[in-house]
Amino acid sequence: MSDSTPGSATPEPGQGAPKGDWPLYEVFVRGKRGLNHVHVGSLHAADDTMALTHARDLYTRRNEGVSIWVVRSEHIAASTRDEKDPFFAPSADKVYRHPTFYDIPDDVPHI
């Protein structure tokens, strides 16, 4: 058993830390027919094992998942709304990535 100091970022399992002190986890589930994991929600848990167990119980009640990922929210890097225009601006100057210069035959369906 390791020493745990009050206010530590990661409470030890079974130490009885108040739920408000538990880290926030983001939950991603891959469905039976899905090819990728989809963000389904968030939850608080004392550790990774508890987060997986609670995510399974909460987000796959109807047996729809085949894989679950839990990631601490503090480990996710994301762009902000304020950065939206400048962050994505470099893709606008790559017009060759858009199919506007190609002739698509009429017999090609669904394009």
PDB file of N, CA and C in Angstrom:
ATOM      1  N   MET A   1       0.845  -1.172   0.000  1.00  0.00           N
ATOM      2  CA  MET A   1       0.000   0.000   0.000  1.00  0.00           C
ATOM      3  C   MET A   1       0.889   1.232   0.000  1.00  0.00           C
ATOM      4  N   SER A   2       0.636   2.153  -0.887  1.00  0.00           N
ATOM      5  CA  SER A   2       1.474   3.339  -0.974  1.00  0.00           C
ATOM      6  C   SER A   2       0.899   4.473  -0.154  1.00  0.00           C
ATOM      7  N   ASP A   3       1.774   5.419   0.180  1.00  0.00           N
ATOM      8  CA  ASP A   3       1.322   6.578   0.943  1.00  0.00           C
ATOM      9  C   ASP A   3       0.487   7.471   0.055  1.00  0.00           C
ATOM     10  N   SER A   4      -0.576   8.016   0.599  1.00  0.00           N
ATOM     11  CA  SER A   4      -1.431   8.924  -0.148  1.00  0.00           C
ATOM     12  C   SER A   4      -1.528  10.226   0.627  1.00  0.00           C
ATOM     13  N   THR A   5      -1.178  11.312   0.004  1.00  0.00           N
ATOM     14  CA  THR A   5      -1.255  12.604   0.667  1.00  0.00           C
ATOM     15  C   THR A   5      -2.565  13.272   0.328  1.00  0.00           C
ATOM     16  N   PRO A   6      -3.134  14.045   1.264  1.00  0.00           N
ATOM     17  CA  PRO A   6      -4.384  14.729   0.971  1.00  0.00           C
ATOM     18  C   PRO A   6      -4.202  15.661  -0.217  1.00  0.00           C
ATOM     19  N   GLY A   7      -5.206  15.648  -1.118  1.00  0.00           N
ATOM     20  CA  GLY A   7      -5.165  16.510  -2.278  1.00  0.00           C
ATOM     21  C   GLY A   7      -4.379  15.942  -3.433  1.00  0.00           C
ATOM     22  N   SER A   8      -3.946  14.661  -3.309  1.00  0.00           N
ATOM     23  CA  SER A   8      -3.201  14.075  -4.424  1.00  0.00           C
ATOM     24  C   SER A   8      -4.137  13.903  -5.615  1.00  0.00           C
ATOM     25  N   ALA A   9      -3.572  13.987  -6.803  1.00  0.00           N
ATOM     26  CA  ALA A   9      -4.377  13.944  -8.022  1.00  0.00           C
ATOM     27  C   ALA A   9      -4.976  12.571  -8.267  1.00  0.00           C
ATOM     28  N   THR A  10      -4.326  11.495  -7.793  1.00  0.00           N
ATOM     29  CA  THR A  10      -4.827  10.157  -8.036  1.00  0.00           C
ATOM     30  C   THR A  10      -5.055   9.425  -6.724  1.00  0.00           C
ATOM     31  N   PRO A  11      -6.304   9.355  -6.271  1.00  0.00           N
ATOM     32  CA  PRO A  11      -6.580   8.640  -5.036  1.00  0.00           C
ATOM     33  C   PRO A  11      -6.316   7.144  -5.210  1.00  0.00           C
ATOM     34  N   GLU A  12      -5.821   6.529  -4.175  1.00  0.00           N
ATOM     35  CA  GLU A  12      -5.583   5.097  -4.200  1.00  0.00           C
ATOM     36  C   GLU A  12      -6.929   4.371  -4.163  1.00  0.00           C
ATOM     37  N   PRO A  13      -7.057   3.252  -4.902  1.00  0.00           N
ATOM     38  CA  PRO A  13      -8.295   2.487  -4.856  1.00  0.00           C
ATOM     39  C   PRO A  13      -8.577   2.021  -3.430  1.00  0.00           C
ATOM     40  N   GLY A  14      -9.823   2.129  -3.067  1.00  0.00           N
ATOM     41  CA  GLY A  14     -10.236   1.679  -1.749  1.00  0.00           C
ATOM     42  C   GLY A  14      -9.912   2.641  -0.623  1.00  0.00           C
ATOM     43  N   GLN A  15      -9.365   3.806  -0.903  1.00  0.00           N
ATOM     44  CA  GLN A  15      -9.019   4.771   0.132  1.00  0.00           C
ATOM     45  C   GLN A  15     -10.218   5.607   0.570  1.00  0.00           C
ATOM     46  N   GLY A  16     -11.340   5.487  -0.150  1.00  0.00           N
ATOM     47  CA  GLY A  16     -12.540   6.207   0.256  1.00  0.00           C
ATOM     48  C   GLY A  16     -12.484   7.690  -0.052  1.00  0.00           C
ATOM     49  N   ALA A  17     -11.791   8.064  -1.093  1.00  0.00           N
ATOM     50  CA  ALA A  17     -11.728   9.475  -1.487  1.00  0.00           C
ATOM     51  C   ALA A  17     -13.110   9.935  -1.922  1.00  0.00           C
ATOM     52  N   PRO A  18     -13.466  11.156  -1.576  1.00  0.00           N
ATOM     53  CA  PRO A  18     -14.772  11.664  -2.007  1.00  0.00           C
ATOM     54  C   PRO A  18     -14.879  11.641  -3.525  1.00  0.00           C
ATOM     55  N   LYS A  19     -16.062  11.345  -4.028  1.00  0.00           N
ATOM     56  CA  LYS A  19     -16.275  11.218  -5.463  1.00  0.00           C
ATOM     57  C   LYS A  19     -15.877  12.485  -6.213  1.00  0.00           C
ATOM     58  N   GLY A  20     -16.045  13.639  -5.624  1.00  0.00           N
ATOM     59  CA  GLY A  20     -15.678  14.893  -6.273  1.00  0.00           C
ATOM     60  C   GLY A  20     -14.193  15.022  -6.529  1.00  0.00           C
ATOM     61  N   ASP A  21     -13.372  14.244  -5.810  1.00  0.00           N
ATOM     62  CA  ASP A  21     -11.925  14.273  -5.998  1.00  0.00           C
ATOM     63  C   ASP A  21     -11.458  13.272  -7.046  1.00  0.00           C
ATOM     64  N   TRP A  22     -12.346  12.407  -7.514  1.00  0.00           N
ATOM     65  CA  TRP A  22     -11.961  11.418  -8.515  1.00  0.00           C
ATOM     66  C   TRP A  22     -11.771  12.099  -9.860  1.00  0.00           C
ATOM     67  N   PRO A  23     -10.811  11.638 -10.645  1.00  0.00           N
ATOM     68  CA  PRO A  23     -10.595  12.252 -11.957  1.00  0.00           C
ATOM     69  C   PRO A  23     -11.744  11.952 -12.924  1.00  0.00           C
ATOM     70  N   LEU A  24     -11.909  12.840 -13.886  1.00  0.00           N
ATOM     71  CA  LEU A  24     -12.939  12.687 -14.912  1.00  0.00           C
ATOM     72  C   LEU A  24     -12.377  11.866 -16.067  1.00  0.00           C
ATOM     73  N   TYR A  25     -13.133  10.904 -16.546  1.00  0.00           N
ATOM     74  CA  TYR A  25     -12.755  10.057 -17.676  1.00  0.00           C
ATOM     75  C   TYR A  25     -13.730  10.279 -18.821  1.00  0.00           C
ATOM     76  N   GLU A  26     -13.212  10.253 -20.042  1.00  0.00           N
ATOM     77  CA  GLU A  26     -14.047  10.266 -21.241  1.00  0.00           C
ATOM     78  C   GLU A  26     -14.164   8.825 -21.711  1.00  0.00           C
ATOM     79  N   VAL A  27     -15.361   8.433 -22.144  1.00  0.00           N
ATOM     80  CA  VAL A  27     -15.637   7.039 -22.493  1.00  0.00           C
ATOM     81  C   VAL A  27     -15.922   6.929 -23.993  1.00  0.00           C
ATOM     82  N   PHE A  28     -15.244   5.972 -24.632  1.00  0.00           N
ATOM     83  CA  PHE A  28     -15.430   5.695 -26.046  1.00  0.00           C
ATOM     84  C   PHE A  28     -15.809   4.230 -26.199  1.00  0.00           C
ATOM     85  N   VAL A  29     -16.851   3.940 -26.983  1.00  0.00           N
ATOM     86  CA  VAL A  29     -17.329   2.564 -27.162  1.00  0.00           C
ATOM     87  C   VAL A  29     -17.358   2.242 -28.652  1.00  0.00           C
ATOM     88  N   ARG A  30     -16.915   1.037 -28.980  1.00  0.00           N
ATOM     89  CA  ARG A  30     -17.046   0.546 -30.361  1.00  0.00           C
ATOM     90  C   ARG A  30     -18.162  -0.471 -30.362  1.00  0.00           C
ATOM     91  N   GLY A  31     -19.180  -0.217 -31.177  1.00  0.00           N
ATOM     92  CA  GLY A  31     -20.329  -1.095 -31.267  1.00  0.00           C
ATOM     93  C   GLY A  31     -20.046  -2.333 -32.097  1.00  0.00           C
ATOM     94  N   LYS A  32     -20.948  -3.284 -32.042  1.00  0.00           N
ATOM     95  CA  LYS A  32     -20.777  -4.544 -32.773  1.00  0.00           C
ATOM     96  C   LYS A  32     -20.661  -4.321 -34.275  1.00  0.00           C
ATOM     97  N   ARG A  33     -21.355  -3.342 -34.778  1.00  0.00           N
ATOM     98  CA  ARG A  33     -21.319  -3.079 -36.217  1.00  0.00           C
ATOM     99  C   ARG A  33     -20.431  -1.896 -36.566  1.00  0.00           C
ATOM    100  N   GLY A  34     -19.776  -1.326 -35.589  1.00  0.00           N
ATOM    101  CA  GLY A  34     -18.954  -0.158 -35.848  1.00  0.00           C
ATOM    102  C   GLY A  34     -17.509  -0.500 -36.134  1.00  0.00           C
ATOM    103  N   LEU A  35     -16.860   0.394 -36.864  1.00  0.00           N
ATOM    104  CA  LEU A  35     -15.450   0.204 -37.163  1.00  0.00           C
ATOM    105  C   LEU A  35     -14.562   1.071 -36.286  1.00  0.00           C
ATOM    106  N   ASN A  36     -15.155   2.047 -35.622  1.00  0.00           N
ATOM    107  CA  ASN A  36     -14.359   2.958 -34.793  1.00  0.00           C
ATOM    108  C   ASN A  36     -15.038   3.174 -33.449  1.00  0.00           C
ATOM    109  N   HIS A  37     -14.278   3.668 -32.515  1.00  0.00           N
ATOM    110  CA  HIS A  37     -14.813   3.998 -31.196  1.00  0.00           C
ATOM    111  C   HIS A  37     -15.481   5.370 -31.269  1.00  0.00           C
ATOM    112  N   VAL A  38     -16.591   5.514 -30.581  1.00  0.00           N
ATOM    113  CA  VAL A  38     -17.364   6.751 -30.574  1.00  0.00           C
ATOM    114  C   VAL A  38     -17.471   7.252 -29.134  1.00  0.00           C
ATOM    115  N   HIS A  39     -17.294   8.553 -28.955  1.00  0.00           N
ATOM    116  CA  HIS A  39     -17.428   9.130 -27.614  1.00  0.00           C
ATOM    117  C   HIS A  39     -18.887   9.034 -27.181  1.00  0.00           C
ATOM    118  N   VAL A  40     -19.118   8.436 -26.014  1.00  0.00           N
ATOM    119  CA  VAL A  40     -20.481   8.240 -25.539  1.00  0.00           C
ATOM    120  C   VAL A  40     -20.781   9.015 -24.262  1.00  0.00           C
ATOM    121  N   GLY A  41     -19.752   9.502 -23.575  1.00  0.00           N
ATOM    122  CA  GLY A  41     -19.999  10.245 -22.350  1.00  0.00           C
ATOM    123  C   GLY A  41     -18.785  10.321 -21.454  1.00  0.00           C
ATOM    124  N   SER A  42     -19.042  10.759 -20.228  1.00  0.00           N
ATOM    125  CA  SER A  42     -17.980  10.953 -19.241  1.00  0.00           C
ATOM    126  C   SER A  42     -18.407  10.354 -17.914  1.00  0.00           C
ATOM    127  N   LEU A  43     -17.424  10.072 -17.076  1.00  0.00           N
ATOM    128  CA  LEU A  43     -17.718   9.598 -15.723  1.00  0.00           C
ATOM    129  C   LEU A  43     -16.522   9.869 -14.822  1.00  0.00           C
ATOM    130  N   HIS A  44     -16.764   9.860 -13.517  1.00  0.00           N
ATOM    131  CA  HIS A  44     -15.694  10.002 -12.525  1.00  0.00           C
ATOM    132  C   HIS A  44     -15.396   8.626 -11.954  1.00  0.00           C
ATOM    133  N   ALA A  45     -14.118   8.336 -11.740  1.00  0.00           N
ATOM    134  CA  ALA A  45     -13.715   7.058 -11.150  1.00  0.00           C
ATOM    135  C   ALA A  45     -12.401   7.246 -10.409  1.00  0.00           C
ATOM    136  N   ALA A  46     -12.162   6.377  -9.434  1.00  0.00           N
ATOM    137  CA  ALA A  46     -10.946   6.465  -8.629  1.00  0.00           C
ATOM    138  C   ALA A  46      -9.703   6.027  -9.391  1.00  0.00           C
ATOM    139  N   ASP A  47      -9.862   5.074 -10.344  1.00  0.00           N
ATOM    140  CA  ASP A  47      -8.720   4.589 -11.113  1.00  0.00           C
ATOM    141  C   ASP A  47      -9.206   4.049 -12.456  1.00  0.00           C
ATOM    142  N   ASP A  48      -8.257   3.605 -13.279  1.00  0.00           N
ATOM    143  CA  ASP A  48      -8.592   3.133 -14.620  1.00  0.00           C
ATOM    144  C   ASP A  48      -9.493   1.900 -14.594  1.00  0.00           C
ATOM    145  N   THR A  49      -9.227   0.982 -13.696  1.00  0.00           N
ATOM    146  CA  THR A  49     -10.033  -0.243 -13.605  1.00  0.00           C
ATOM    147  C   THR A  49     -11.471   0.073 -13.249  1.00  0.00           C
ATOM    148  N   MET A  50     -11.648   0.953 -12.276  1.00  0.00           N
ATOM    149  CA  MET A  50     -13.004   1.351 -11.891  1.00  0.00           C
ATOM    150  C   MET A  50     -13.691   2.078 -13.046  1.00  0.00           C
ATOM    151  N   ALA A  51     -12.944   2.905 -13.777  1.00  0.00           N
ATOM    152  CA  ALA A  51     -13.519   3.631 -14.908  1.00  0.00           C
ATOM    153  C   ALA A  51     -14.013   2.656 -15.979  1.00  0.00           C
ATOM    154  N   LEU A  52     -13.230   1.629 -16.278  1.00  0.00           N
ATOM    155  CA  LEU A  52     -13.659   0.626 -17.258  1.00  0.00           C
ATOM    156  C   LEU A  52     -14.909  -0.117 -16.796  1.00  0.00           C
ATOM    157  N   THR A  53     -14.921  -0.507 -15.530  1.00  0.00           N
ATOM    158  CA  THR A  53     -16.073  -1.237 -14.995  1.00  0.00           C
ATOM    159  C   THR A  53     -17.334  -0.387 -15.026  1.00  0.00           C
ATOM    160  N   HIS A  54     -17.215   0.855 -14.570  1.00  0.00           N
ATOM    161  CA  HIS A  54     -18.387   1.744 -14.570  1.00  0.00           C
ATOM    162  C   HIS A  54     -18.823   2.089 -15.989  1.00  0.00           C
ATOM    163  N   ALA A  55     -17.869   2.260 -16.901  1.00  0.00           N
ATOM    164  CA  ALA A  55     -18.215   2.549 -18.293  1.00  0.00           C
ATOM    165  C   ALA A  55     -18.975   1.379 -18.909  1.00  0.00           C
ATOM    166  N   ARG A  56     -18.519   0.160 -18.619  1.00  0.00           N
ATOM    167  CA  ARG A  56     -19.225  -1.023 -19.118  1.00  0.00           C
ATOM    168  C   ARG A  56     -20.650  -1.064 -18.585  1.00  0.00           C
ATOM    169  N   ASP A  57     -20.803  -0.846 -17.267  1.00  0.00           N
ATOM    170  CA  ASP A  57     -22.123  -0.924 -16.654  1.00  0.00           C
ATOM    171  C   ASP A  57     -23.046   0.204 -17.112  1.00  0.00           C
ATOM    172  N   LEU A  58     -22.485   1.369 -17.360  1.00  0.00           N
ATOM    173  CA  LEU A  58     -23.302   2.529 -17.703  1.00  0.00           C
ATOM    174  C   LEU A  58     -23.598   2.651 -19.190  1.00  0.00           C
ATOM    175  N   TYR A  59     -22.612   2.383 -20.038  1.00  0.00           N
ATOM    176  CA  TYR A  59     -22.759   2.680 -21.461  1.00  0.00           C
ATOM    177  C   TYR A  59     -22.949   1.463 -22.361  1.00  0.00           C
ATOM    178  N   THR A  60     -22.914   0.261 -21.805  1.00  0.00           N
ATOM    179  CA  THR A  60     -23.165  -0.926 -22.634  1.00  0.00           C
ATOM    180  C   THR A  60     -24.186  -1.834 -21.956  1.00  0.00           C
ATOM    181  N   ARG A  61     -25.222  -1.265 -21.440  1.00  0.00           N
ATOM    182  CA  ARG A  61     -26.255  -2.027 -20.721  1.00  0.00           C
ATOM    183  C   ARG A  61     -26.984  -3.020 -21.610  1.00  0.00           C
ATOM    184  N   ARG A  62     -27.134  -2.669 -22.882  1.00  0.00           N
ATOM    185  CA  ARG A  62     -27.914  -3.519 -23.786  1.00  0.00           C
ATOM    186  C   ARG A  62     -27.011  -4.418 -24.630  1.00  0.00           C
ATOM    187  N   ASN A  63     -25.797  -4.648 -24.143  1.00  0.00           N
ATOM    188  CA  ASN A  63     -24.862  -5.565 -24.792  1.00  0.00           C
ATOM    189  C   ASN A  63     -24.495  -5.106 -26.204  1.00  0.00           C
ATOM    190  N   GLU A  64     -24.408  -3.768 -26.403  1.00  0.00           N
ATOM    191  CA  GLU A  64     -24.129  -3.257 -27.739  1.00  0.00           C
ATOM    192  C   GLU A  64     -22.653  -2.987 -28.017  1.00  0.00           C
ATOM    193  N   GLY A  65     -21.798  -3.066 -27.022  1.00  0.00           N
ATOM    194  CA  GLY A  65     -20.393  -2.746 -27.233  1.00  0.00           C
ATOM    195  C   GLY A  65     -19.505  -3.970 -27.320  1.00  0.00           C
ATOM    196  N   VAL A  66     -18.407  -3.834 -28.072  1.00  0.00           N
ATOM    197  CA  VAL A  66     -17.419  -4.903 -28.137  1.00  0.00           C
ATOM    198  C   VAL A  66     -16.060  -4.431 -27.623  1.00  0.00           C
ATOM    199  N   SER A  67     -15.907  -3.111 -27.444  1.00  0.00           N
ATOM    200  CA  SER A  67     -14.653  -2.568 -26.948  1.00  0.00           C
ATOM    201  C   SER A  67     -14.918  -1.225 -26.282  1.00  0.00           C
ATOM    202  N   ILE A  68     -14.238  -0.983 -25.173  1.00  0.00           N
ATOM    203  CA  ILE A  68     -14.393   0.281 -24.445  1.00  0.00           C
ATOM    204  C   ILE A  68     -13.012   0.877 -24.215  1.00  0.00           C
ATOM    205  N   TRP A  69     -12.908   2.173 -24.459  1.00  0.00           N
ATOM    206  CA  TRP A  69     -11.715   2.937 -24.087  1.00  0.00           C
ATOM    207  C   TRP A  69     -12.135   3.953 -23.054  1.00  0.00           C
ATOM    208  N   VAL A  70     -11.334   4.123 -22.009  1.00  0.00           N
ATOM    209  CA  VAL A  70     -11.514   5.222 -21.066  1.00  0.00           C
ATOM    210  C   VAL A  70     -10.212   6.012 -21.027  1.00  0.00           C
ATOM    211  N   VAL A  71     -10.331   7.319 -21.098  1.00  0.00           N
ATOM    212  CA  VAL A  71      -9.168   8.198 -21.122  1.00  0.00           C
ATOM    213  C   VAL A  71      -9.412   9.323 -20.140  1.00  0.00           C
ATOM    214  N   ARG A  72      -8.433   9.590 -19.294  1.00  0.00           N
ATOM    215  CA  ARG A  72      -8.583  10.719 -18.391  1.00  0.00           C
ATOM    216  C   ARG A  72      -8.709  12.002 -19.204  1.00  0.00           C
ATOM    217  N   SER A  73      -9.672  12.802 -18.862  1.00  0.00           N
ATOM    218  CA  SER A  73      -9.927  14.045 -19.594  1.00  0.00           C
ATOM    219  C   SER A  73      -8.709  14.947 -19.616  1.00  0.00           C
ATOM    220  N   GLU A  74      -7.918  14.920 -18.557  1.00  0.00           N
ATOM    221  CA  GLU A  74      -6.743  15.791 -18.490  1.00  0.00           C
ATOM    222  C   GLU A  74      -5.679  15.405 -19.512  1.00  0.00           C
ATOM    223  N   HIS A  75      -5.774  14.200 -20.088  1.00  0.00           N
ATOM    224  CA  HIS A  75      -4.790  13.742 -21.067  1.00  0.00           C
ATOM    225  C   HIS A  75      -5.216  14.009 -22.513  1.00  0.00           C
ATOM    226  N   ILE A  76      -6.375  14.612 -22.703  1.00  0.00           N
ATOM    227  CA  ILE A  76      -6.859  14.895 -24.052  1.00  0.00           C
ATOM    228  C   ILE A  76      -6.481  16.315 -24.434  1.00  0.00           C
ATOM    229  N   ALA A  77      -5.829  16.442 -25.573  1.00  0.00           N
ATOM    230  CA  ALA A  77      -5.498  17.763 -26.111  1.00  0.00           C
ATOM    231  C   ALA A  77      -6.497  18.062 -27.224  1.00  0.00           C
ATOM    232  N   ALA A  78      -7.078  19.241 -27.185  1.00  0.00           N
ATOM    233  CA  ALA A  78      -8.098  19.591 -28.176  1.00  0.00           C
ATOM    234  C   ALA A  78      -7.998  21.062 -28.552  1.00  0.00           C
ATOM    235  N   SER A  79      -8.426  21.361 -29.757  1.00  0.00           N
ATOM    236  CA  SER A  79      -8.478  22.764 -30.171  1.00  0.00           C
ATOM    237  C   SER A  79      -9.695  23.416 -29.507  1.00  0.00           C
ATOM    238  N   THR A  80      -9.674  24.742 -29.459  1.00  0.00           N
ATOM    239  CA  THR A  80     -10.790  25.467 -28.853  1.00  0.00           C
ATOM    240  C   THR A  80     -11.629  26.135 -29.934  1.00  0.00           C
ATOM    241  N   ARG A  81     -12.805  26.582 -29.562  1.00  0.00           N
ATOM    242  CA  ARG A  81     -13.672  27.279 -30.509  1.00  0.00           C
ATOM    243  C   ARG A  81     -13.026  28.549 -31.035  1.00  0.00           C
ATOM    244  N   ASP A  82     -12.309  29.233 -30.175  1.00  0.00           N
ATOM    245  CA  ASP A  82     -11.666  30.488 -30.585  1.00  0.00           C
ATOM    246  C   ASP A  82     -10.597  30.245 -31.646  1.00  0.00           C
ATOM    247  N   GLU A  83     -10.016  29.054 -31.649  1.00  0.00           N
ATOM    248  CA  GLU A  83      -8.970  28.725 -32.614  1.00  0.00           C
ATOM    249  C   GLU A  83      -9.523  28.179 -33.928  1.00  0.00           C
ATOM    250  N   LYS A  84     -10.841  28.006 -34.008  1.00  0.00           N
ATOM    251  CA  LYS A  84     -11.446  27.304 -35.140  1.00  0.00           C
ATOM    252  C   LYS A  84     -10.970  27.831 -36.494  1.00  0.00           C
ATOM    253  N   ASP A  85     -11.113  29.116 -36.757  1.00  0.00           N
ATOM    254  CA  ASP A  85     -10.740  29.650 -38.065  1.00  0.00           C
ATOM    255  C   ASP A  85      -9.239  29.592 -38.325  1.00  0.00           C
ATOM    256  N   PRO A  86      -8.389  30.094 -37.431  1.00  0.00           N
ATOM    257  CA  PRO A  86      -6.958  30.034 -37.734  1.00  0.00           C
ATOM    258  C   PRO A  86      -6.384  28.612 -37.713  1.00  0.00           C
ATOM    259  N   PHE A  87      -6.932  27.749 -36.879  1.00  0.00           N
ATOM    260  CA  PHE A  87      -6.393  26.395 -36.756  1.00  0.00           C
ATOM    261  C   PHE A  87      -6.623  25.578 -38.029  1.00  0.00           C
ATOM    262  N   PHE A  88      -7.812  25.734 -38.626  1.00  0.00           N
ATOM    263  CA  PHE A  88      -8.159  24.956 -39.804  1.00  0.00           C
ATOM    264  C   PHE A  88      -7.899  25.694 -41.116  1.00  0.00           C
ATOM    265  N   ALA A  89      -7.413  26.919 -41.048  1.00  0.00           N
ATOM    266  CA  ALA A  89      -7.156  27.715 -42.252  1.00  0.00           C
ATOM    267  C   ALA A  89      -6.155  27.068 -43.207  1.00  0.00           C
ATOM    268  N   PRO A  90      -5.094  26.404 -42.746  1.00  0.00           N
ATOM    269  CA  PRO A  90      -4.131  25.819 -43.699  1.00  0.00           C
ATOM    270  C   PRO A  90      -4.754  24.817 -44.672  1.00  0.00           C
ATOM    271  N   SER A  91      -5.833  24.154 -44.301  1.00  0.00           N
ATOM    272  CA  SER A  91      -6.438  23.183 -45.212  1.00  0.00           C
ATOM    273  C   SER A  91      -7.163  23.862 -46.365  1.00  0.00           C
ATOM    274  N   ALA A  92      -7.515  25.138 -46.236  1.00  0.00           N
ATOM    275  CA  ALA A  92      -8.237  25.842 -47.292  1.00  0.00           C
ATOM    276  C   ALA A  92      -7.366  26.106 -48.513  1.00  0.00           C
ATOM    277  N   ASP A  93      -6.055  26.172 -48.327  1.00  0.00           N
ATOM    278  CA  ASP A  93      -5.184  26.453 -49.474  1.00  0.00           C
ATOM    279  C   ASP A  93      -4.739  25.189 -50.208  1.00  0.00           C
ATOM    280  N   LYS A  94      -5.295  24.062 -49.857  1.00  0.00           N
ATOM    281  CA  LYS A  94      -4.959  22.803 -50.533  1.00  0.00           C
ATOM    282  C   LYS A  94      -6.155  22.361 -51.375  1.00  0.00           C
ATOM    283  N   VAL A  95      -6.431  23.135 -52.416  1.00  0.00           N
ATOM    284  CA  VAL A  95      -7.622  22.873 -53.226  1.00  0.00           C
ATOM    285  C   VAL A  95      -7.537  21.543 -53.958  1.00  0.00           C
ATOM    286  N   TYR A  96      -6.334  21.031 -54.154  1.00  0.00           N
ATOM    287  CA  TYR A  96      -6.190  19.749 -54.842  1.00  0.00           C
ATOM    288  C   TYR A  96      -6.779  18.596 -54.040  1.00  0.00           C
ATOM    289  N   ARG A  97      -7.074  18.827 -52.786  1.00  0.00           N
ATOM    290  CA  ARG A  97      -7.672  17.767 -51.965  1.00  0.00           C
ATOM    291  C   ARG A  97      -9.180  17.660 -52.164  1.00  0.00           C
ATOM    292  N   HIS A  98      -9.757  18.641 -52.824  1.00  0.00           N
ATOM    293  CA  HIS A  98     -11.197  18.638 -53.059  1.00  0.00           C
ATOM    294  C   HIS A  98     -11.468  18.147 -54.481  1.00  0.00           C
ATOM    295  N   PRO A  99     -12.485  17.346 -54.658  1.00  0.00           N
ATOM    296  CA  PRO A  99     -12.726  16.744 -55.973  1.00  0.00           C
ATOM    297  C   PRO A  99     -13.387  17.687 -56.978  1.00  0.00           C
ATOM    298  N   THR A 100     -13.043  18.947 -56.974  1.00  0.00           N
ATOM    299  CA  THR A 100     -13.669  19.892 -57.898  1.00  0.00           C
ATOM    300  C   THR A 100     -12.995  19.917 -59.256  1.00  0.00           C
ATOM    301  N   PHE A 101     -11.822  19.331 -59.382  1.00  0.00           N
ATOM    302  CA  PHE A 101     -11.087  19.361 -60.640  1.00  0.00           C
ATOM    303  C   PHE A 101     -11.227  18.066 -61.434  1.00  0.00           C
ATOM    304  N   TYR A 102     -12.047  17.163 -60.955  1.00  0.00           N
ATOM    305  CA  TYR A 102     -12.156  15.865 -61.594  1.00  0.00           C
ATOM    306  C   TYR A 102     -13.512  15.716 -62.272  1.00  0.00           C
ATOM    307  N   ASP A 103     -13.506  15.100 -63.419  1.00  0.00           N
ATOM    308  CA  ASP A 103     -14.760  14.783 -64.103  1.00  0.00           C
ATOM    309  C   ASP A 103     -15.193  13.404 -63.643  1.00  0.00           C
ATOM    310  N   ILE A 104     -16.396  13.324 -63.133  1.00  0.00           N
ATOM    311  CA  ILE A 104     -16.932  12.046 -62.643  1.00  0.00           C
ATOM    312  C   ILE A 104     -17.890  11.512 -63.692  1.00  0.00           C
ATOM    313  N   PRO A 105     -17.657  10.305 -64.177  1.00  0.00           N
ATOM    314  CA  PRO A 105     -18.544   9.728 -65.173  1.00  0.00           C
ATOM    315  C   PRO A 105     -19.973   9.578 -64.631  1.00  0.00           C
ATOM    316  N   ASP A 106     -20.937   9.687 -65.525  1.00  0.00           N
ATOM    317  CA  ASP A 106     -22.337   9.606 -65.109  1.00  0.00           C
ATOM    318  C   ASP A 106     -22.725   8.219 -64.590  1.00  0.00           C
ATOM    319  N   ASP A 107     -22.003   7.194 -65.014  1.00  0.00           N
ATOM    320  CA  ASP A 107     -22.369   5.841 -64.592  1.00  0.00           C
ATOM    321  C   ASP A 107     -21.751   5.459 -63.228  1.00  0.00           C
ATOM    322  N   VAL A 108     -21.037   6.373 -62.566  1.00  0.00           N
ATOM    323  CA  VAL A 108     -20.501   6.108 -61.232  1.00  0.00           C
ATOM    324  C   VAL A 108     -21.565   6.502 -60.214  1.00  0.00           C
ATOM    325  N   PRO A 109     -22.062   5.533 -59.452  1.00  0.00           N
ATOM    326  CA  PRO A 109     -23.147   5.836 -58.491  1.00  0.00           C
ATOM    327  C   PRO A 109     -22.627   6.456 -57.178  1.00  0.00           C
ATOM    328  N   HIS A 110     -23.469   7.190 -56.512  1.00  0.00           N
ATOM    329  CA  HIS A 110     -23.285   7.685 -55.149  1.00  0.00           C
ATOM    330  C   HIS A 110     -22.077   8.597 -54.959  1.00  0.00           C
ATOM    331  N   ILE A 111     -21.809   9.458 -55.895  1.00  0.00           N
ATOM    332  CA  ILE A 111     -20.737  10.433 -55.690  1.00  0.00           C
ATOM    333  C   ILE A 111     -21.303  11.813 -55.924  1.00  0.00           C
TER     334      ILE A 111
END
